[in-house]
Amino acid sequence: MINTEDFIKRLQKIINHYGESASSFAEKIGVQRSSISHILSGRNKPSLDFILKILSHYPEVDLYWLFNGKGSFPSNIEIKELKETDTPPVRTEVNLNSEIDKNKSIERIVIFYSDGSFKNFEN
């Protein structure tokens, strides 16, 4: 469960960091001003939709930091937007069979995605 009081403090920190008022913040993320007011006053808890709107409009906000205060804000992840003239990222393929020592077994594979998330596969 989210600690509502701590969540309110983190939400206020986000609003202050960007120099927004509650009203302008609500407008930017596409929610009613009353929604922000009710969450900041503790009357309502944030919905998943509300949190996703924050994350989509403010990519520097880390999900885990917003939920439970772990991590940092603004996040240390550098986000680069590609312009039409930029070349897309190069995908590197690795032939695992050529790089595996036959006397060893794979214990774990971790795949990191460009959005900062990852998947962990254990044998």
N, C-alpha and C. Protein backbone atom coordinates (compact mmCIF):
# COMPACT_ATOMS: atom_id res chain seq x y z
N MET A 1 0.84 -1.19 0.00
CA MET A 1 0.00 0.00 0.00
C MET A 1 0.88 1.25 0.00
N ILE A 2 0.37 2.27 -0.60
CA ILE A 2 1.06 3.55 -0.65
C ILE A 2 0.78 4.31 0.63
N ASN A 3 1.81 4.86 1.23
CA ASN A 3 1.63 5.75 2.37
C ASN A 3 1.17 7.09 1.80
N THR A 4 -0.09 7.42 2.04
CA THR A 4 -0.69 8.60 1.42
C THR A 4 0.03 9.88 1.79
N GLU A 5 0.39 10.04 3.05
CA GLU A 5 1.07 11.27 3.48
C GLU A 5 2.39 11.45 2.76
N ASP A 6 3.15 10.37 2.63
CA ASP A 6 4.44 10.45 1.94
C ASP A 6 4.24 10.67 0.44
N PHE A 7 3.22 10.04 -0.13
CA PHE A 7 2.93 10.23 -1.55
C PHE A 7 2.60 11.70 -1.81
N ILE A 8 1.82 12.31 -0.93
CA ILE A 8 1.45 13.72 -1.08
C ILE A 8 2.71 14.59 -1.07
N LYS A 9 3.65 14.29 -0.18
CA LYS A 9 4.91 15.04 -0.13
C LYS A 9 5.70 14.90 -1.43
N ARG A 10 5.74 13.69 -1.97
CA ARG A 10 6.47 13.47 -3.22
C ARG A 10 5.76 14.17 -4.39
N LEU A 11 4.43 14.12 -4.41
CA LEU A 11 3.68 14.81 -5.46
C LEU A 11 3.92 16.31 -5.38
N GLN A 12 3.91 16.86 -4.18
CA GLN A 12 4.17 18.29 -4.01
C GLN A 12 5.59 18.64 -4.44
N LYS A 13 6.53 17.72 -4.19
CA LYS A 13 7.92 17.95 -4.61
C LYS A 13 8.00 18.02 -6.13
N ILE A 14 7.26 17.16 -6.83
CA ILE A 14 7.24 17.17 -8.29
C ILE A 14 6.68 18.49 -8.78
N ILE A 15 5.55 18.89 -8.22
CA ILE A 15 4.89 20.14 -8.63
C ILE A 15 5.83 21.32 -8.42
N ASN A 16 6.48 21.37 -7.27
CA ASN A 16 7.40 22.47 -6.97
C ASN A 16 8.64 22.44 -7.87
N HIS A 17 9.15 21.24 -8.14
CA HIS A 17 10.34 21.09 -8.97
C HIS A 17 10.13 21.71 -10.35
N TYR A 18 8.96 21.55 -10.92
CA TYR A 18 8.68 22.08 -12.24
C TYR A 18 8.08 23.48 -12.19
N GLY A 19 7.99 24.06 -11.01
CA GLY A 19 7.48 25.42 -10.87
C GLY A 19 6.02 25.55 -11.27
N GLU A 20 5.27 24.51 -11.03
CA GLU A 20 3.86 24.49 -11.40
C GLU A 20 2.99 24.83 -10.20
N SER A 21 1.80 25.30 -10.49
CA SER A 21 0.76 25.37 -9.46
C SER A 21 -0.01 24.06 -9.58
N ALA A 22 -0.81 23.74 -8.59
CA ALA A 22 -1.63 22.53 -8.65
C ALA A 22 -2.52 22.57 -9.88
N SER A 23 -3.03 23.75 -10.19
CA SER A 23 -3.92 23.93 -11.33
C SER A 23 -3.20 23.68 -12.66
N SER A 24 -2.02 24.26 -12.83
CA SER A 24 -1.29 24.08 -14.08
C SER A 24 -0.78 22.64 -14.22
N PHE A 25 -0.42 22.03 -13.09
CA PHE A 25 0.02 20.64 -13.11
C PHE A 25 -1.12 19.74 -13.56
N ALA A 26 -2.32 19.98 -13.03
CA ALA A 26 -3.49 19.19 -13.41
C ALA A 26 -3.76 19.33 -14.90
N GLU A 27 -3.64 20.54 -15.39
CA GLU A 27 -3.88 20.77 -16.82
C GLU A 27 -2.86 20.03 -17.68
N LYS A 28 -1.58 20.04 -17.26
CA LYS A 28 -0.54 19.39 -18.05
C LYS A 28 -0.71 17.88 -18.11
N ILE A 29 -1.14 17.27 -17.01
CA ILE A 29 -1.27 15.81 -17.04
C ILE A 29 -2.67 15.38 -17.47
N GLY A 30 -3.59 16.33 -17.63
CA GLY A 30 -4.91 16.02 -18.17
C GLY A 30 -5.90 15.49 -17.16
N VAL A 31 -5.88 16.05 -15.94
CA VAL A 31 -6.88 15.69 -14.94
C VAL A 31 -7.56 16.96 -14.45
N GLN A 32 -8.68 16.79 -13.77
CA GLN A 32 -9.38 17.94 -13.24
C GLN A 32 -8.61 18.53 -12.07
N ARG A 33 -8.73 19.84 -11.90
CA ARG A 33 -8.04 20.51 -10.79
C ARG A 33 -8.49 19.93 -9.46
N SER A 34 -9.76 19.57 -9.37
CA SER A 34 -10.27 19.01 -8.10
C SER A 34 -9.58 17.70 -7.75
N SER A 35 -9.16 16.94 -8.77
CA SER A 35 -8.46 15.67 -8.50
C SER A 35 -7.16 15.93 -7.76
N ILE A 36 -6.40 16.92 -8.23
CA ILE A 36 -5.14 17.28 -7.56
C ILE A 36 -5.43 17.78 -6.15
N SER A 37 -6.41 18.63 -6.03
CA SER A 37 -6.77 19.19 -4.73
C SER A 37 -7.16 18.09 -3.74
N HIS A 38 -7.95 17.15 -4.19
CA HIS A 38 -8.40 16.07 -3.30
C HIS A 38 -7.25 15.15 -2.90
N ILE A 39 -6.33 14.91 -3.82
CA ILE A 39 -5.18 14.07 -3.48
C ILE A 39 -4.25 14.80 -2.53
N LEU A 40 -3.97 16.08 -2.81
CA LEU A 40 -3.08 16.85 -1.94
C LEU A 40 -3.65 17.05 -0.54
N SER A 41 -4.98 17.09 -0.43
CA SER A 41 -5.60 17.26 0.89
C SER A 41 -5.73 15.94 1.63
N GLY A 42 -5.48 14.82 0.93
CA GLY A 42 -5.61 13.51 1.56
C GLY A 42 -7.01 12.94 1.48
N ARG A 43 -7.91 13.66 0.86
CA ARG A 43 -9.30 13.18 0.75
C ARG A 43 -9.38 11.94 -0.14
N ASN A 44 -8.67 11.95 -1.27
CA ASN A 44 -8.66 10.81 -2.19
C ASN A 44 -7.26 10.25 -2.32
N LYS A 45 -7.19 8.97 -2.67
CA LYS A 45 -5.91 8.35 -2.98
C LYS A 45 -5.71 8.40 -4.49
N PRO A 46 -4.47 8.42 -4.94
CA PRO A 46 -4.23 8.49 -6.38
C PRO A 46 -4.62 7.19 -7.07
N SER A 47 -5.21 7.30 -8.23
CA SER A 47 -5.54 6.12 -9.02
C SER A 47 -4.34 5.73 -9.86
N LEU A 48 -4.38 4.53 -10.41
CA LEU A 48 -3.32 4.09 -11.29
C LEU A 48 -3.27 4.99 -12.53
N ASP A 49 -4.42 5.36 -13.05
CA ASP A 49 -4.49 6.25 -14.20
C ASP A 49 -3.80 7.58 -13.91
N PHE A 50 -4.03 8.12 -12.72
CA PHE A 50 -3.41 9.37 -12.30
C PHE A 50 -1.89 9.24 -12.30
N ILE A 51 -1.39 8.16 -11.73
CA ILE A 51 0.06 7.94 -11.64
C ILE A 51 0.66 7.77 -13.03
N LEU A 52 -0.03 7.03 -13.89
CA LEU A 52 0.47 6.83 -15.25
C LEU A 52 0.52 8.14 -16.03
N LYS A 53 -0.43 9.02 -15.78
CA LYS A 53 -0.41 10.33 -16.45
C LYS A 53 0.79 11.15 -16.00
N ILE A 54 1.12 11.08 -14.74
CA ILE A 54 2.31 11.80 -14.24
C ILE A 54 3.56 11.25 -14.93
N LEU A 55 3.68 9.93 -14.95
CA LEU A 55 4.86 9.30 -15.53
C LEU A 55 4.99 9.57 -17.02
N SER A 56 3.86 9.65 -17.72
CA SER A 56 3.96 9.88 -19.17
C SER A 56 4.29 11.33 -19.50
N HIS A 57 3.90 12.27 -18.67
CA HIS A 57 4.19 13.69 -18.94
C HIS A 57 5.49 14.17 -18.30
N TYR A 58 5.96 13.45 -17.30
CA TYR A 58 7.19 13.82 -16.61
C TYR A 58 8.09 12.58 -16.52
N PRO A 59 8.82 12.27 -17.59
CA PRO A 59 9.63 11.05 -17.61
C PRO A 59 10.77 11.03 -16.59
N GLU A 60 11.09 12.16 -16.01
CA GLU A 60 12.15 12.19 -14.99
C GLU A 60 11.66 11.63 -13.66
N VAL A 61 10.35 11.43 -13.53
CA VAL A 61 9.78 10.89 -12.29
C VAL A 61 9.92 9.37 -12.34
N ASP A 62 10.57 8.82 -11.35
CA ASP A 62 10.77 7.38 -11.24
C ASP A 62 9.57 6.75 -10.54
N LEU A 63 9.02 5.70 -11.13
CA LEU A 63 7.83 5.04 -10.59
C LEU A 63 8.03 4.60 -9.14
N TYR A 64 9.15 3.95 -8.85
CA TYR A 64 9.38 3.44 -7.50
C TYR A 64 9.56 4.57 -6.51
N TRP A 65 10.17 5.64 -6.94
CA TRP A 65 10.30 6.79 -6.05
C TRP A 65 8.92 7.38 -5.76
N LEU A 66 8.10 7.50 -6.78
CA LEU A 66 6.77 8.07 -6.60
C LEU A 66 5.92 7.20 -5.67
N PHE A 67 6.00 5.88 -5.84
CA PHE A 67 5.21 4.97 -5.02
C PHE A 67 5.68 4.89 -3.57
N ASN A 68 6.98 4.67 -3.39
CA ASN A 68 7.44 4.40 -2.03
C ASN A 68 8.67 5.18 -1.58
N GLY A 69 9.10 6.15 -2.36
CA GLY A 69 10.22 6.99 -1.94
C GLY A 69 11.58 6.39 -2.19
N LYS A 70 11.65 5.19 -2.75
CA LYS A 70 12.94 4.56 -3.03
C LYS A 70 13.39 4.98 -4.42
N GLY A 71 14.65 5.29 -4.54
CA GLY A 71 15.17 5.80 -5.80
C GLY A 71 15.44 7.29 -5.65
N SER A 72 15.38 7.99 -6.77
CA SER A 72 15.69 9.41 -6.71
C SER A 72 14.76 10.20 -7.61
N PHE A 73 14.67 11.47 -7.32
CA PHE A 73 13.95 12.40 -8.19
C PHE A 73 14.76 13.68 -8.28
N PRO A 74 14.96 14.23 -9.44
CA PRO A 74 14.65 13.62 -10.73
C PRO A 74 15.54 12.41 -10.95
N SER A 75 15.03 11.45 -11.75
CA SER A 75 15.78 10.21 -11.93
C SER A 75 17.08 10.50 -12.66
N ASN A 76 18.03 9.61 -12.49
CA ASN A 76 19.35 9.79 -13.10
C ASN A 76 19.38 9.31 -14.54
N ILE A 77 18.26 8.77 -15.03
CA ILE A 77 18.22 8.25 -16.38
C ILE A 77 18.12 9.41 -17.36
N GLU A 78 19.04 9.44 -18.31
CA GLU A 78 19.01 10.49 -19.33
C GLU A 78 18.11 10.03 -20.46
N ILE A 79 17.14 10.84 -20.80
CA ILE A 79 16.19 10.49 -21.84
C ILE A 79 16.47 11.34 -23.06
N LYS A 80 16.66 10.69 -24.20
CA LYS A 80 16.97 11.39 -25.43
C LYS A 80 15.84 11.13 -26.41
N GLU A 81 15.30 12.19 -26.95
CA GLU A 81 14.28 12.04 -27.97
C GLU A 81 14.96 12.04 -29.33
N LEU A 82 14.54 11.11 -30.19
CA LEU A 82 15.10 11.05 -31.53
C LEU A 82 14.42 12.06 -32.42
N LYS A 83 15.22 12.76 -33.20
CA LYS A 83 14.69 13.68 -34.20
C LYS A 83 14.56 12.89 -35.50
N GLU A 84 13.84 13.44 -36.45
CA GLU A 84 13.66 12.75 -37.72
C GLU A 84 14.99 12.49 -38.41
N THR A 85 15.98 13.35 -38.18
CA THR A 85 17.27 13.20 -38.84
C THR A 85 18.19 12.22 -38.11
N ASP A 86 17.86 11.88 -36.86
CA ASP A 86 18.68 10.94 -36.10
C ASP A 86 18.50 9.52 -36.64
N THR A 87 19.57 8.75 -36.56
CA THR A 87 19.45 7.35 -36.95
C THR A 87 18.93 6.57 -35.75
N PRO A 88 18.11 5.57 -35.97
CA PRO A 88 17.59 4.79 -34.85
C PRO A 88 18.70 4.01 -34.16
N PRO A 89 18.50 3.62 -32.92
CA PRO A 89 19.52 2.86 -32.22
C PRO A 89 19.83 1.56 -32.95
N VAL A 90 21.07 1.13 -32.90
CA VAL A 90 21.49 -0.10 -33.57
C VAL A 90 21.24 -1.26 -32.62
N ARG A 91 20.59 -2.27 -33.14
CA ARG A 91 20.30 -3.47 -32.36
C ARG A 91 21.48 -4.43 -32.53
N THR A 92 22.05 -4.87 -31.43
CA THR A 92 23.19 -5.78 -31.49
C THR A 92 22.70 -7.18 -31.19
N GLU A 93 23.02 -8.10 -32.07
CA GLU A 93 22.65 -9.49 -31.85
C GLU A 93 23.90 -10.26 -31.46
N VAL A 94 23.72 -11.15 -30.51
CA VAL A 94 24.84 -11.92 -30.00
C VAL A 94 24.53 -13.39 -30.21
N ASN A 95 25.48 -14.11 -30.75
CA ASN A 95 25.33 -15.55 -30.88
C ASN A 95 25.80 -16.17 -29.57
N LEU A 96 24.84 -16.55 -28.73
CA LEU A 96 25.18 -17.04 -27.40
C LEU A 96 25.97 -18.34 -27.46
N ASN A 97 25.70 -19.17 -28.45
CA ASN A 97 26.40 -20.46 -28.54
C ASN A 97 27.89 -20.28 -28.71
N SER A 98 28.32 -19.22 -29.40
CA SER A 98 29.75 -19.02 -29.63
C SER A 98 30.45 -18.44 -28.41
N GLU A 99 29.69 -17.88 -27.47
CA GLU A 99 30.31 -17.22 -26.33
C GLU A 99 30.14 -17.99 -25.03
N ILE A 100 29.53 -19.16 -25.09
CA ILE A 100 29.30 -19.93 -23.87
C ILE A 100 30.41 -20.96 -23.71
N ASP A 101 30.98 -20.98 -22.53
CA ASP A 101 31.96 -22.00 -22.21
C ASP A 101 31.18 -23.29 -21.98
N LYS A 102 31.52 -24.34 -22.69
CA LYS A 102 30.76 -25.60 -22.64
C LYS A 102 30.78 -26.24 -21.26
N ASN A 103 31.73 -25.87 -20.42
CA ASN A 103 31.81 -26.46 -19.08
C ASN A 103 31.02 -25.67 -18.05
N LYS A 104 30.38 -24.60 -18.49
CA LYS A 104 29.61 -23.76 -17.56
C LYS A 104 28.16 -23.74 -17.99
N SER A 105 27.28 -23.46 -17.04
CA SER A 105 25.87 -23.32 -17.39
C SER A 105 25.42 -21.91 -17.07
N ILE A 106 24.43 -21.46 -17.81
CA ILE A 106 23.91 -20.11 -17.61
C ILE A 106 23.06 -20.10 -16.35
N GLU A 107 23.36 -19.18 -15.48
CA GLU A 107 22.63 -19.06 -14.22
C GLU A 107 21.50 -18.05 -14.33
N ARG A 108 21.79 -16.93 -15.02
CA ARG A 108 20.80 -15.85 -15.10
C ARG A 108 21.07 -15.00 -16.32
N ILE A 109 19.97 -14.52 -16.95
CA ILE A 109 20.07 -13.57 -18.05
C ILE A 109 19.19 -12.39 -17.69
N VAL A 110 19.75 -11.19 -17.82
CA VAL A 110 18.99 -9.97 -17.54
C VAL A 110 18.94 -9.15 -18.82
N ILE A 111 17.71 -8.76 -19.20
CA ILE A 111 17.53 -7.92 -20.38
C ILE A 111 17.12 -6.54 -19.91
N PHE A 112 17.86 -5.52 -20.33
CA PHE A 112 17.56 -4.14 -19.98
C PHE A 112 16.90 -3.46 -21.17
N TYR A 113 15.79 -2.78 -20.91
CA TYR A 113 15.06 -2.07 -21.96
C TYR A 113 15.39 -0.58 -21.91
N SER A 114 15.15 0.10 -23.03
CA SER A 114 15.50 1.51 -23.14
C SER A 114 14.70 2.40 -22.20
N ASP A 115 13.56 1.92 -21.69
CA ASP A 115 12.76 2.73 -20.77
C ASP A 115 13.20 2.59 -19.32
N GLY A 116 14.29 1.85 -19.10
CA GLY A 116 14.81 1.69 -17.75
C GLY A 116 14.30 0.43 -17.05
N SER A 117 13.33 -0.26 -17.63
CA SER A 117 12.82 -1.48 -17.02
C SER A 117 13.73 -2.65 -17.44
N PHE A 118 13.51 -3.80 -16.81
CA PHE A 118 14.31 -4.96 -17.14
C PHE A 118 13.54 -6.23 -16.83
N LYS A 119 13.99 -7.35 -17.41
CA LYS A 119 13.44 -8.67 -17.12
C LYS A 119 14.59 -9.54 -16.69
N ASN A 120 14.33 -10.33 -15.67
CA ASN A 120 15.34 -11.21 -15.10
C ASN A 120 14.90 -12.64 -15.34
N PHE A 121 15.72 -13.42 -16.02
CA PHE A 121 15.42 -14.82 -16.28
C PHE A 121 16.45 -15.68 -15.55
N GLU A 122 15.97 -16.54 -14.65
CA GLU A 122 16.88 -17.40 -13.90
C GLU A 122 16.67 -18.84 -14.31
N ASN A 123 17.77 -19.61 -14.33
CA ASN A 123 17.72 -20.99 -14.74
C ASN A 123 17.27 -21.86 -13.59
